[in-house]
N, C-alpha and C. Protein backbone atom coordinates (compact mmCIF):
# COMPACT_ATOMS: atom_id res chain seq x y z
N MET A 1 31.06 -32.21 -1.70
CA MET A 1 32.00 -31.19 -2.04
C MET A 1 31.25 -30.02 -2.70
N ALA A 2 31.56 -28.82 -2.32
CA ALA A 2 30.87 -27.64 -2.84
C ALA A 2 31.41 -27.22 -4.20
N THR A 3 30.53 -26.71 -5.03
CA THR A 3 30.93 -26.19 -6.33
C THR A 3 31.09 -24.69 -6.23
N VAL A 4 32.20 -24.19 -6.73
CA VAL A 4 32.47 -22.76 -6.68
C VAL A 4 32.36 -22.20 -8.10
N SER A 5 31.60 -21.13 -8.22
CA SER A 5 31.48 -20.48 -9.52
C SER A 5 31.90 -19.03 -9.41
N PRO A 6 32.38 -18.45 -10.49
CA PRO A 6 32.81 -17.04 -10.43
C PRO A 6 31.60 -16.13 -10.23
N PRO A 7 31.78 -15.03 -9.56
CA PRO A 7 30.65 -14.11 -9.34
C PRO A 7 30.20 -13.50 -10.67
N SER A 8 28.89 -13.27 -10.76
CA SER A 8 28.36 -12.64 -11.97
C SER A 8 28.60 -11.13 -11.91
N ASP A 9 28.48 -10.48 -13.03
CA ASP A 9 28.74 -9.03 -13.10
C ASP A 9 27.70 -8.21 -12.34
N SER A 10 26.44 -8.66 -12.37
CA SER A 10 25.37 -7.85 -11.76
C SER A 10 25.13 -8.15 -10.29
N GLY A 11 25.74 -9.19 -9.77
CA GLY A 11 25.52 -9.54 -8.38
C GLY A 11 24.33 -10.44 -8.16
N HIS A 12 23.61 -10.80 -9.23
CA HIS A 12 22.46 -11.68 -9.16
C HIS A 12 22.86 -13.07 -9.64
N PRO A 13 22.09 -14.09 -9.27
CA PRO A 13 22.38 -15.44 -9.79
C PRO A 13 22.31 -15.44 -11.32
N PRO A 14 23.06 -16.34 -11.97
CA PRO A 14 23.12 -16.33 -13.43
C PRO A 14 21.77 -16.49 -14.12
N GLY A 15 20.83 -17.26 -13.55
CA GLY A 15 19.54 -17.47 -14.19
C GLY A 15 18.52 -16.38 -13.91
N CYS A 16 18.86 -15.42 -13.07
CA CYS A 16 17.92 -14.37 -12.67
C CYS A 16 18.02 -13.20 -13.64
N ARG A 17 16.85 -12.69 -14.08
CA ARG A 17 16.88 -11.52 -14.95
C ARG A 17 16.17 -10.38 -14.25
N GLU A 18 16.57 -9.19 -14.56
CA GLU A 18 16.00 -7.98 -13.97
C GLU A 18 14.63 -7.69 -14.58
N PRO A 19 13.64 -7.31 -13.79
CA PRO A 19 12.38 -6.88 -14.37
C PRO A 19 12.60 -5.58 -15.14
N SER A 20 11.97 -5.45 -16.29
CA SER A 20 12.24 -4.31 -17.15
C SER A 20 11.35 -3.10 -16.86
N GLY A 21 10.54 -3.16 -15.85
CA GLY A 21 9.70 -2.02 -15.52
C GLY A 21 8.49 -2.46 -14.73
N LEU A 22 7.47 -1.63 -14.76
CA LEU A 22 6.25 -1.91 -14.03
C LEU A 22 5.51 -3.08 -14.67
N PRO A 23 5.19 -4.10 -13.87
CA PRO A 23 4.45 -5.23 -14.46
C PRO A 23 3.09 -4.80 -14.98
N VAL A 24 2.64 -5.46 -16.02
CA VAL A 24 1.37 -5.12 -16.66
C VAL A 24 0.21 -5.32 -15.69
N ARG A 25 0.34 -6.25 -14.75
CA ARG A 25 -0.76 -6.50 -13.82
C ARG A 25 -1.10 -5.25 -13.01
N TRP A 26 -0.10 -4.42 -12.69
CA TRP A 26 -0.39 -3.22 -11.92
C TRP A 26 -1.17 -2.20 -12.74
N VAL A 27 -0.94 -2.18 -14.04
CA VAL A 27 -1.72 -1.29 -14.91
C VAL A 27 -3.17 -1.75 -14.94
N VAL A 28 -3.37 -3.06 -15.04
CA VAL A 28 -4.73 -3.62 -15.05
C VAL A 28 -5.42 -3.33 -13.72
N ILE A 29 -4.72 -3.54 -12.61
CA ILE A 29 -5.29 -3.28 -11.28
C ILE A 29 -5.67 -1.80 -11.15
N ALA A 30 -4.80 -0.92 -11.60
CA ALA A 30 -5.08 0.51 -11.50
C ALA A 30 -6.30 0.89 -12.34
N MET A 31 -6.41 0.33 -13.54
CA MET A 31 -7.57 0.64 -14.39
C MET A 31 -8.87 0.14 -13.76
N LEU A 32 -8.84 -1.05 -13.19
CA LEU A 32 -10.04 -1.58 -12.53
C LEU A 32 -10.42 -0.73 -11.32
N ALA A 33 -9.42 -0.33 -10.53
CA ALA A 33 -9.69 0.47 -9.33
C ALA A 33 -10.24 1.85 -9.69
N VAL A 34 -9.69 2.45 -10.73
CA VAL A 34 -10.19 3.76 -11.16
C VAL A 34 -11.62 3.67 -11.68
N ALA A 35 -11.89 2.62 -12.46
CA ALA A 35 -13.25 2.44 -12.98
C ALA A 35 -14.24 2.21 -11.84
N ALA A 36 -13.86 1.39 -10.87
CA ALA A 36 -14.75 1.14 -9.74
C ALA A 36 -14.90 2.39 -8.87
N GLY A 37 -13.82 3.12 -8.70
CA GLY A 37 -13.90 4.37 -7.93
C GLY A 37 -14.79 5.39 -8.59
N THR A 38 -14.74 5.47 -9.90
CA THR A 38 -15.61 6.39 -10.64
C THR A 38 -17.07 6.01 -10.47
N ALA A 39 -17.35 4.71 -10.57
CA ALA A 39 -18.73 4.25 -10.37
C ALA A 39 -19.18 4.52 -8.94
N GLY A 40 -18.30 4.30 -7.98
CA GLY A 40 -18.63 4.59 -6.59
C GLY A 40 -18.88 6.07 -6.35
N PHE A 41 -18.11 6.92 -7.02
CA PHE A 41 -18.31 8.36 -6.87
C PHE A 41 -19.65 8.80 -7.45
N MET A 42 -19.98 8.24 -8.60
CA MET A 42 -21.27 8.60 -9.22
C MET A 42 -22.44 8.12 -8.38
N ALA A 43 -22.26 6.98 -7.72
CA ALA A 43 -23.36 6.42 -6.94
C ALA A 43 -23.50 7.06 -5.56
N GLY A 44 -22.37 7.43 -4.92
CA GLY A 44 -22.52 7.87 -3.55
C GLY A 44 -21.62 8.98 -3.07
N GLY A 45 -20.61 9.35 -3.81
CA GLY A 45 -19.74 10.42 -3.37
C GLY A 45 -18.31 9.97 -3.15
N VAL A 46 -17.58 10.77 -2.38
CA VAL A 46 -16.14 10.57 -2.22
C VAL A 46 -15.82 9.33 -1.38
N VAL A 47 -16.47 9.20 -0.24
CA VAL A 47 -16.15 8.08 0.66
C VAL A 47 -16.45 6.72 0.00
N PRO A 48 -17.60 6.52 -0.61
CA PRO A 48 -17.82 5.25 -1.31
C PRO A 48 -16.83 5.03 -2.46
N ALA A 49 -16.44 6.10 -3.13
CA ALA A 49 -15.48 5.97 -4.23
C ALA A 49 -14.14 5.45 -3.73
N ILE A 50 -13.66 6.00 -2.63
CA ILE A 50 -12.39 5.56 -2.05
C ILE A 50 -12.51 4.12 -1.55
N THR A 51 -13.61 3.83 -0.87
CA THR A 51 -13.81 2.48 -0.32
C THR A 51 -13.89 1.44 -1.43
N VAL A 52 -14.68 1.71 -2.45
CA VAL A 52 -14.83 0.76 -3.55
C VAL A 52 -13.52 0.63 -4.32
N GLY A 53 -12.84 1.72 -4.55
CA GLY A 53 -11.56 1.67 -5.27
C GLY A 53 -10.53 0.84 -4.54
N CYS A 54 -10.42 1.02 -3.22
CA CYS A 54 -9.48 0.22 -2.43
C CYS A 54 -9.87 -1.25 -2.40
N ALA A 55 -11.17 -1.51 -2.26
CA ALA A 55 -11.63 -2.90 -2.23
C ALA A 55 -11.36 -3.61 -3.56
N VAL A 56 -11.61 -2.93 -4.65
CA VAL A 56 -11.38 -3.54 -5.97
C VAL A 56 -9.88 -3.72 -6.21
N ALA A 57 -9.07 -2.76 -5.81
CA ALA A 57 -7.62 -2.91 -5.98
C ALA A 57 -7.09 -4.09 -5.18
N THR A 58 -7.58 -4.26 -3.95
CA THR A 58 -7.15 -5.38 -3.12
C THR A 58 -7.60 -6.71 -3.72
N ALA A 59 -8.85 -6.78 -4.14
CA ALA A 59 -9.36 -8.02 -4.73
C ALA A 59 -8.65 -8.36 -6.03
N ALA A 60 -8.41 -7.36 -6.87
CA ALA A 60 -7.72 -7.59 -8.14
C ALA A 60 -6.29 -8.04 -7.89
N HIS A 61 -5.64 -7.46 -6.90
CA HIS A 61 -4.27 -7.86 -6.58
C HIS A 61 -4.23 -9.33 -6.15
N LYS A 62 -5.17 -9.74 -5.33
CA LYS A 62 -5.20 -11.12 -4.88
C LYS A 62 -5.55 -12.08 -6.00
N LEU A 63 -6.44 -11.67 -6.92
CA LEU A 63 -6.84 -12.54 -8.02
C LEU A 63 -5.75 -12.65 -9.09
N ILE A 64 -5.11 -11.55 -9.40
CA ILE A 64 -4.12 -11.52 -10.49
C ILE A 64 -2.77 -12.05 -10.03
N HIS A 65 -2.44 -11.85 -8.78
CA HIS A 65 -1.12 -12.27 -8.27
C HIS A 65 -1.05 -13.75 -8.38
């Protein structure tokens, strides 16, 4: 037999809470990517800076997630 419960006010399940903003992990990822991009720019120019920044952002996202 199914259990029926009244709908919640927000439309989300009762145990679910709304995220309050940008997760801290994205701030950490952005700081790492900017630092790596800066080092890449100093070492080789614009293209290495973009490449290294994207690579570090991707790696950090996979490690932190």
